[in-house]
């Protein structure tokens, strides 16, 4: 393998430092988010008020044309 140049070595050291700082910040953020999660658990939400996500599928109701045709079939 080639030996690294001075500039490349400096950039790699800088990258390693940035990655270390990033991991520290991620750990701090995870700790803060866990505290907020505990607070959310304490407050109960009614089941009618749901969080973000896909809404439930609507039940199909027969339209006026379907009702008319069923009346014709019965008579």
PDB file of N, CA and C in Angstrom:
ATOM      1  N   UNK A   1       0.831  -1.198   0.000  1.00  0.00           N
ATOM      2  CA  UNK A   1       0.000   0.000   0.000  1.00  0.00           C
ATOM      3  C   UNK A   1       0.864   1.246   0.000  1.00  0.00           C
ATOM      4  N   UNK A   2       0.306   2.291  -0.542  1.00  0.00           N
ATOM      5  CA  UNK A   2       1.025   3.567  -0.549  1.00  0.00           C
ATOM      6  C   UNK A   2       1.060   4.158   0.852  1.00  0.00           C
ATOM      7  N   UNK A   3       2.054   4.959   1.102  1.00  0.00           N
ATOM      8  CA  UNK A   3       2.079   5.685   2.369  1.00  0.00           C
ATOM      9  C   UNK A   3       1.275   6.968   2.183  1.00  0.00           C
ATOM     10  N   UNK A   4       0.628   7.381   3.254  1.00  0.00           N
ATOM     11  CA  UNK A   4      -0.231   8.568   3.171  1.00  0.00           C
ATOM     12  C   UNK A   4       0.598   9.832   3.130  1.00  0.00           C
ATOM     13  N   UNK A   5       0.109  10.789   2.373  1.00  0.00           N
ATOM     14  CA  UNK A   5       0.756  12.088   2.346  1.00  0.00           C
ATOM     15  C   UNK A   5       0.405  12.849   3.616  1.00  0.00           C
ATOM     16  N   UNK A   6       1.119  13.916   3.865  1.00  0.00           N
ATOM     17  CA  UNK A   6       0.885  14.723   5.069  1.00  0.00           C
ATOM     18  C   UNK A   6      -0.521  15.308   5.099  1.00  0.00           C
ATOM     19  N   UNK A   7      -1.012  15.774   3.950  1.00  0.00           N
ATOM     20  CA  UNK A   7      -2.352  16.373   3.894  1.00  0.00           C
ATOM     21  C   UNK A   7      -3.429  15.321   4.160  1.00  0.00           C
ATOM     22  N   UNK A   8      -3.243  14.133   3.551  1.00  0.00           N
ATOM     23  CA  UNK A   8      -4.244  13.077   3.733  1.00  0.00           C
ATOM     24  C   UNK A   8      -4.294  12.624   5.186  1.00  0.00           C
ATOM     25  N   UNK A   9      -3.138  12.503   5.806  1.00  0.00           N
ATOM     26  CA  UNK A   9      -3.079  12.101   7.203  1.00  0.00           C
ATOM     27  C   UNK A   9      -3.783  13.131   8.082  1.00  0.00           C
ATOM     28  N   UNK A  10      -3.542  14.420   7.819  1.00  0.00           N
ATOM     29  CA  UNK A  10      -4.189  15.476   8.596  1.00  0.00           C
ATOM     30  C   UNK A  10      -5.711  15.427   8.428  1.00  0.00           C
ATOM     31  N   UNK A  11      -6.168  15.170   7.189  1.00  0.00           N
ATOM     32  CA  UNK A  11      -7.607  15.094   6.936  1.00  0.00           C
ATOM     33  C   UNK A  11      -8.224  13.891   7.652  1.00  0.00           C
ATOM     34  N   UNK A  12      -7.494  12.768   7.674  1.00  0.00           N
ATOM     35  CA  UNK A  12      -8.018  11.574   8.345  1.00  0.00           C
ATOM     36  C   UNK A  12      -8.118  11.791   9.854  1.00  0.00           C
ATOM     37  N   UNK A  13      -7.127  12.484  10.424  1.00  0.00           N
ATOM     38  CA  UNK A  13      -7.158  12.792  11.859  1.00  0.00           C
ATOM     39  C   UNK A  13      -8.339  13.709  12.151  1.00  0.00           C
ATOM     40  N   UNK A  14      -8.552  14.697  11.287  1.00  0.00           N
ATOM     41  CA  UNK A  14      -9.655  15.637  11.451  1.00  0.00           C
ATOM     42  C   UNK A  14     -11.002  14.899  11.341  1.00  0.00           C
ATOM     43  N   UNK A  15     -11.100  13.979  10.391  1.00  0.00           N
ATOM     44  CA  UNK A  15     -12.324  13.203  10.218  1.00  0.00           C
ATOM     45  C   UNK A  15     -12.608  12.353  11.458  1.00  0.00           C
ATOM     46  N   UNK A  16     -11.574  11.726  11.993  1.00  0.00           N
ATOM     47  CA  UNK A  16     -11.747  10.895  13.183  1.00  0.00           C
ATOM     48  C   UNK A  16     -12.245  11.735  14.355  1.00  0.00           C
ATOM     49  N   UNK A  17     -11.716  12.937  14.508  1.00  0.00           N
ATOM     50  CA  UNK A  17     -12.156  13.843  15.581  1.00  0.00           C
ATOM     51  C   UNK A  17     -13.613  14.241  15.386  1.00  0.00           C
ATOM     52  N   UNK A  18     -13.990  14.572  14.164  1.00  0.00           N
ATOM     53  CA  UNK A  18     -15.382  14.943  13.882  1.00  0.00           C
ATOM     54  C   UNK A  18     -16.325  13.773  14.177  1.00  0.00           C
ATOM     55  N   UNK A  19     -15.939  12.573  13.805  1.00  0.00           N
ATOM     56  CA  UNK A  19     -16.776  11.402  14.057  1.00  0.00           C
ATOM     57  C   UNK A  19     -16.939  11.160  15.552  1.00  0.00           C
ATOM     58  N   UNK A  20     -15.865  11.357  16.309  1.00  0.00           N
ATOM     59  CA  UNK A  20     -15.935  11.176  17.764  1.00  0.00           C
ATOM     60  C   UNK A  20     -16.890  12.179  18.387  1.00  0.00           C
ATOM     61  N   UNK A  21     -16.770  13.464  17.960  1.00  0.00           N
ATOM     62  CA  UNK A  21     -17.666  14.502  18.485  1.00  0.00           C
ATOM     63  C   UNK A  21     -19.117  14.232  18.106  1.00  0.00           C
ATOM     64  N   UNK A  22     -19.336  13.729  16.888  1.00  0.00           N
ATOM     65  CA  UNK A  22     -20.684  13.414  16.424  1.00  0.00           C
ATOM     66  C   UNK A  22     -21.309  12.320  17.300  1.00  0.00           C
ATOM     67  N   UNK A  23     -20.535  11.282  17.595  1.00  0.00           N
ATOM     68  CA  UNK A  23     -21.045  10.191  18.422  1.00  0.00           C
ATOM     69  C   UNK A  23     -21.393  10.677  19.823  1.00  0.00           C
ATOM     70  N   UNK A  24     -20.568  11.571  20.371  1.00  0.00           N
ATOM     71  CA  UNK A  24     -20.858  12.137  21.695  1.00  0.00           C
ATOM     72  C   UNK A  24     -22.184  12.890  21.673  1.00  0.00           C
ATOM     73  N   UNK A  25     -22.372  13.718  20.654  1.00  0.00           N
ATOM     74  CA  UNK A  25     -23.612  14.506  20.541  1.00  0.00           C
ATOM     75  C   UNK A  25     -24.819  13.592  20.374  1.00  0.00           C
ATOM     76  N   UNK A  26     -24.667  12.496  19.622  1.00  0.00           N
ATOM     77  CA  UNK A  26     -25.765  11.551  19.439  1.00  0.00           C
ATOM     78  C   UNK A  26     -26.144  10.907  20.769  1.00  0.00           C
ATOM     79  N   UNK A  27     -25.150  10.572  21.591  1.00  0.00           N
ATOM     80  CA  UNK A  27     -25.424   9.995  22.903  1.00  0.00           C
ATOM     81  C   UNK A  27     -26.167  10.983  23.782  1.00  0.00           C
ATOM     82  N   UNK A  28     -25.732  12.258  23.766  1.00  0.00           N
ATOM     83  CA  UNK A  28     -26.408  13.290  24.553  1.00  0.00           C
ATOM     84  C   UNK A  28     -27.858  13.450  24.102  1.00  0.00           C
ATOM     85  N   UNK A  29     -28.070  13.458  22.796  1.00  0.00           N
ATOM     86  CA  UNK A  29     -29.407  13.602  22.248  1.00  0.00           C
ATOM     87  C   UNK A  29     -30.293  12.429  22.662  1.00  0.00           C
ATOM     88  N   UNK A  30     -29.756  11.229  22.630  1.00  0.00           N
ATOM     89  CA  UNK A  30     -30.530  10.047  23.019  1.00  0.00           C
ATOM     90  C   UNK A  30     -30.955  10.151  24.480  1.00  0.00           C
ATOM     91  N   UNK A  31     -30.061  10.645  25.340  1.00  0.00           N
ATOM     92  CA  UNK A  31     -30.405  10.813  26.757  1.00  0.00           C
ATOM     93  C   UNK A  31     -31.539  11.804  26.912  1.00  0.00           C
ATOM     94  N   UNK A  32     -31.470  12.920  26.200  1.00  0.00           N
ATOM     95  CA  UNK A  32     -32.516  13.948  26.298  1.00  0.00           C
ATOM     96  C   UNK A  32     -33.848  13.410  25.776  1.00  0.00           C
ATOM     97  N   UNK A  33     -33.818  12.671  24.694  1.00  0.00           N
ATOM     98  CA  UNK A  33     -35.056  12.143  24.116  1.00  0.00           C
ATOM     99  C   UNK A  33     -35.686  11.110  25.044  1.00  0.00           C
ATOM    100  N   UNK A  34     -34.895  10.340  25.752  1.00  0.00           N
ATOM    101  CA  UNK A  34     -35.446   9.367  26.688  1.00  0.00           C
ATOM    102  C   UNK A  34     -36.202  10.074  27.803  1.00  0.00           C
ATOM    103  N   UNK A  35     -35.687  11.219  28.274  1.00  0.00           N
ATOM    104  CA  UNK A  35     -36.375  11.973  29.320  1.00  0.00           C
ATOM    105  C   UNK A  35     -37.740  12.423  28.828  1.00  0.00           C
ATOM    106  N   UNK A  36     -37.812  12.890  27.593  1.00  0.00           N
ATOM    107  CA  UNK A  36     -39.087  13.351  27.037  1.00  0.00           C
ATOM    108  C   UNK A  36     -40.050  12.189  26.852  1.00  0.00           C
ATOM    109  N   UNK A  37     -39.540  11.019  26.501  1.00  0.00           N
ATOM    110  CA  UNK A  37     -40.401   9.853  26.309  1.00  0.00           C
ATOM    111  C   UNK A  37     -41.093   9.474  27.612  1.00  0.00           C
ATOM    112  N   UNK A  38     -40.389   9.596  28.739  1.00  0.00           N
ATOM    113  CA  UNK A  38     -40.998   9.270  30.030  1.00  0.00           C
ATOM    114  C   UNK A  38     -42.134  10.237  30.340  1.00  0.00           C
ATOM    115  N   UNK A  39     -41.966  11.496  29.978  1.00  0.00           N
ATOM    116  CA  UNK A  39     -43.018  12.485  30.231  1.00  0.00           C
ATOM    117  C   UNK A  39     -44.248  12.178  29.395  1.00  0.00           C
ATOM    118  N   UNK A  40     -44.068  11.723  28.172  1.00  0.00           N
ATOM    119  CA  UNK A  40     -45.201  11.410  27.301  1.00  0.00           C
ATOM    120  C   UNK A  40     -45.996  10.234  27.848  1.00  0.00           C
ATOM    121  N   UNK A  41     -45.313   9.269  28.446  1.00  0.00           N
ATOM    122  CA  UNK A  41     -45.999   8.105  28.979  1.00  0.00           C
ATOM    123  C   UNK A  41     -46.925   8.477  30.128  1.00  0.00           C
ATOM    124  N   UNK A  42     -46.555   9.492  30.902  1.00  0.00           N
ATOM    125  CA  UNK A  42     -47.355   9.883  32.052  1.00  0.00           C
ATOM    126  C   UNK A  42     -48.702  10.465  31.627  1.00  0.00           C
ATOM    127  N   UNK A  43     -48.728  11.241  30.562  1.00  0.00           N
ATOM    128  CA  UNK A  43     -49.975  11.850  30.117  1.00  0.00           C
ATOM    129  C   UNK A  43     -50.685  10.873  29.198  1.00  0.00           C
ATOM    130  N   UNK A  44     -51.890  10.473  29.585  1.00  0.00           N
ATOM    131  CA  UNK A  44     -52.618   9.521  28.752  1.00  0.00           C
ATOM    132  C   UNK A  44     -53.412  10.273  27.699  1.00  0.00           C
ATOM    133  N   UNK A  45     -53.486   9.696  26.521  1.00  0.00           N
ATOM    134  CA  UNK A  45     -54.230  10.312  25.428  1.00  0.00           C
ATOM    135  C   UNK A  45     -55.452   9.458  25.158  1.00  0.00           C
ATOM    136  N   UNK A  46     -56.524  10.098  24.805  1.00  0.00           N
ATOM    137  CA  UNK A  46     -57.733   9.347  24.491  1.00  0.00           C
ATOM    138  C   UNK A  46     -57.518   8.593  23.182  1.00  0.00           C
ATOM    139  N   UNK A  47     -58.144   7.446  23.037  1.00  0.00           N
ATOM    140  CA  UNK A  47     -57.940   6.674  21.807  1.00  0.00           C
ATOM    141  C   UNK A  47     -58.521   7.361  20.569  1.00  0.00           C
ATOM    142  N   UNK A  48     -59.449   8.296  20.775  1.00  0.00           N
ATOM    143  CA  UNK A  48     -60.036   8.994  19.632  1.00  0.00           C
ATOM    144  C   UNK A  48     -59.013   9.888  18.958  1.00  0.00           C
ATOM    145  N   UNK A  49     -58.112  10.466  19.732  1.00  0.00           N
ATOM    146  CA  UNK A  49     -57.106  11.360  19.160  1.00  0.00           C
ATOM    147  C   UNK A  49     -55.845  10.560  18.901  1.00  0.00           C
ATOM    148  N   UNK A  50     -55.603  10.249  17.653  1.00  0.00           N
ATOM    149  CA  UNK A  50     -54.467   9.422  17.289  1.00  0.00           C
ATOM    150  C   UNK A  50     -53.308  10.276  16.800  1.00  0.00           C
ATOM    151  N   UNK A  51     -52.138   9.708  16.817  1.00  0.00           N
ATOM    152  CA  UNK A  51     -50.949  10.401  16.356  1.00  0.00           C
ATOM    153  C   UNK A  51     -50.846  10.382  14.844  1.00  0.00           C
ATOM    154  N   UNK A  52     -49.711  10.837  14.321  1.00  0.00           N
ATOM    155  CA  UNK A  52     -49.536  10.853  12.877  1.00  0.00           C
ATOM    156  C   UNK A  52     -49.468   9.434  12.326  1.00  0.00           C
ATOM    157  N   UNK A  53     -49.901   9.287  11.112  1.00  0.00           N
ATOM    158  CA  UNK A  53     -49.873   7.976  10.480  1.00  0.00           C
ATOM    159  C   UNK A  53     -51.003   7.872   9.479  1.00  0.00           C
ATOM    160  N   UNK A  54     -51.101   6.728   8.881  1.00  0.00           N
ATOM    161  CA  UNK A  54     -52.131   6.528   7.866  1.00  0.00           C
ATOM    162  C   UNK A  54     -53.485   6.329   8.543  1.00  0.00           C
ATOM    163  N   UNK A  55     -54.504   7.070   8.109  1.00  0.00           N
ATOM    164  CA  UNK A  55     -55.824   6.905   8.722  1.00  0.00           C
ATOM    165  C   UNK A  55     -56.431   5.553   8.356  1.00  0.00           C
ATOM    166  N   UNK A  56     -57.418   5.134   9.136  1.00  0.00           N
ATOM    167  CA  UNK A  56     -58.050   3.848   8.875  1.00  0.00           C
ATOM    168  C   UNK A  56     -58.866   3.904   7.596  1.00  0.00           C
ATOM    169  N   UNK A  57     -59.035   2.750   7.003  1.00  0.00           N
ATOM    170  CA  UNK A  57     -59.779   2.638   5.760  1.00  0.00           C
ATOM    171  C   UNK A  57     -61.261   2.904   6.044  1.00  0.00           C
ATOM    172  N   UNK A  58     -61.899   3.704   5.193  1.00  0.00           N
ATOM    173  CA  UNK A  58     -63.318   4.001   5.374  1.00  0.00           C
ATOM    174  C   UNK A  58     -64.153   2.822   4.913  1.00  0.00           C
ATOM    175  N   UNK A  59     -65.234   2.570   5.636  1.00  0.00           N
ATOM    176  CA  UNK A  59     -66.142   1.508   5.238  1.00  0.00           C
ATOM    177  C   UNK A  59     -66.966   2.014   4.075  1.00  0.00           C
ATOM    178  N   UNK A  60     -67.121   1.190   3.066  1.00  0.00           N
ATOM    179  CA  UNK A  60     -67.864   1.631   1.892  1.00  0.00           C
ATOM    180  C   UNK A  60     -69.357   1.624   2.193  1.00  0.00           C
ATOM    181  N   UNK A  61     -70.020   2.698   1.794  1.00  0.00           N
ATOM    182  CA  UNK A  61     -71.473   2.787   1.946  1.00  0.00           C
ATOM    183  C   UNK A  61     -72.067   2.780   0.556  1.00  0.00           C
ATOM    184  N   UNK A  62     -73.153   2.066   0.361  1.00  0.00           N
ATOM    185  CA  UNK A  62     -73.735   2.031  -0.985  1.00  0.00           C
ATOM    186  C   UNK A  62     -74.251   3.419  -1.371  1.00  0.00           C
ATOM    187  N   UNK A  63     -73.987   3.788  -2.606  1.00  0.00           N
ATOM    188  CA  UNK A  63     -74.423   5.088  -3.097  1.00  0.00           C
ATOM    189  C   UNK A  63     -75.893   5.062  -3.470  1.00  0.00           C
ATOM    190  N   UNK A  64     -76.461   6.193  -3.868  1.00  0.00           N
ATOM    191  CA  UNK A  64     -77.889   6.251  -4.208  1.00  0.00           C
ATOM    192  C   UNK A  64     -78.258   5.330  -5.370  1.00  0.00           C
ATOM    193  N   UNK A  65     -77.387   5.136  -6.334  1.00  0.00           N
ATOM    194  CA  UNK A  65     -77.686   4.266  -7.471  1.00  0.00           C
ATOM    195  C   UNK A  65     -77.820   2.815  -7.015  1.00  0.00           C
ATOM    196  N   UNK A  66     -76.987   2.390  -6.085  1.00  0.00           N
ATOM    197  CA  UNK A  66     -77.043   1.017  -5.587  1.00  0.00           C
ATOM    198  C   UNK A  66     -78.335   0.778  -4.810  1.00  0.00           C
ATOM    199  N   UNK A  67     -78.794   1.760  -4.073  1.00  0.00           N
ATOM    200  CA  UNK A  67     -80.027   1.627  -3.307  1.00  0.00           C
ATOM    201  C   UNK A  67     -81.212   1.500  -4.252  1.00  0.00           C
ATOM    202  N   UNK A  68     -81.246   2.297  -5.318  1.00  0.00           N
ATOM    203  CA  UNK A  68     -82.333   2.252  -6.307  1.00  0.00           C
ATOM    204  C   UNK A  68     -82.381   0.892  -6.974  1.00  0.00           C
ATOM    205  N   UNK A  69     -81.247   0.346  -7.369  1.00  0.00           N
ATOM    206  CA  UNK A  69     -81.249  -0.930  -8.081  1.00  0.00           C
ATOM    207  C   UNK A  69     -81.701  -2.068  -7.156  1.00  0.00           C
ATOM    208  N   UNK A  70     -81.345  -2.005  -5.864  1.00  0.00           N
ATOM    209  CA  UNK A  70     -81.779  -3.057  -4.959  1.00  0.00           C
ATOM    210  C   UNK A  70     -83.288  -3.000  -4.743  1.00  0.00           C
ATOM    211  N   UNK A  71     -83.902  -1.800  -4.773  1.00  0.00           N
ATOM    212  CA  UNK A  71     -85.352  -1.671  -4.626  1.00  0.00           C
ATOM    213  C   UNK A  71     -86.055  -2.288  -5.836  1.00  0.00           C
ATOM    214  N   UNK A  72     -85.474  -2.095  -7.014  1.00  0.00           N
ATOM    215  CA  UNK A  72     -86.072  -2.631  -8.230  1.00  0.00           C
ATOM    216  C   UNK A  72     -86.047  -4.160  -8.218  1.00  0.00           C
ATOM    217  N   UNK A  73     -84.959  -4.726  -7.722  1.00  0.00           N
ATOM    218  CA  UNK A  73     -84.839  -6.171  -7.705  1.00  0.00           C
ATOM    219  C   UNK A  73     -85.857  -6.806  -6.759  1.00  0.00           C
ATOM    220  N   UNK A  74     -86.154  -6.171  -5.652  1.00  0.00           N
ATOM    221  CA  UNK A  74     -87.080  -6.713  -4.666  1.00  0.00           C
ATOM    222  C   UNK A  74     -88.526  -6.701  -5.174  1.00  0.00           C
ATOM    223  N   UNK A  75     -88.907  -5.681  -5.943  1.00  0.00           N
ATOM    224  CA  UNK A  75     -90.310  -5.589  -6.373  1.00  0.00           C
ATOM    225  C   UNK A  75     -90.636  -6.382  -7.600  1.00  0.00           C
TER     226      UNK A  75
END
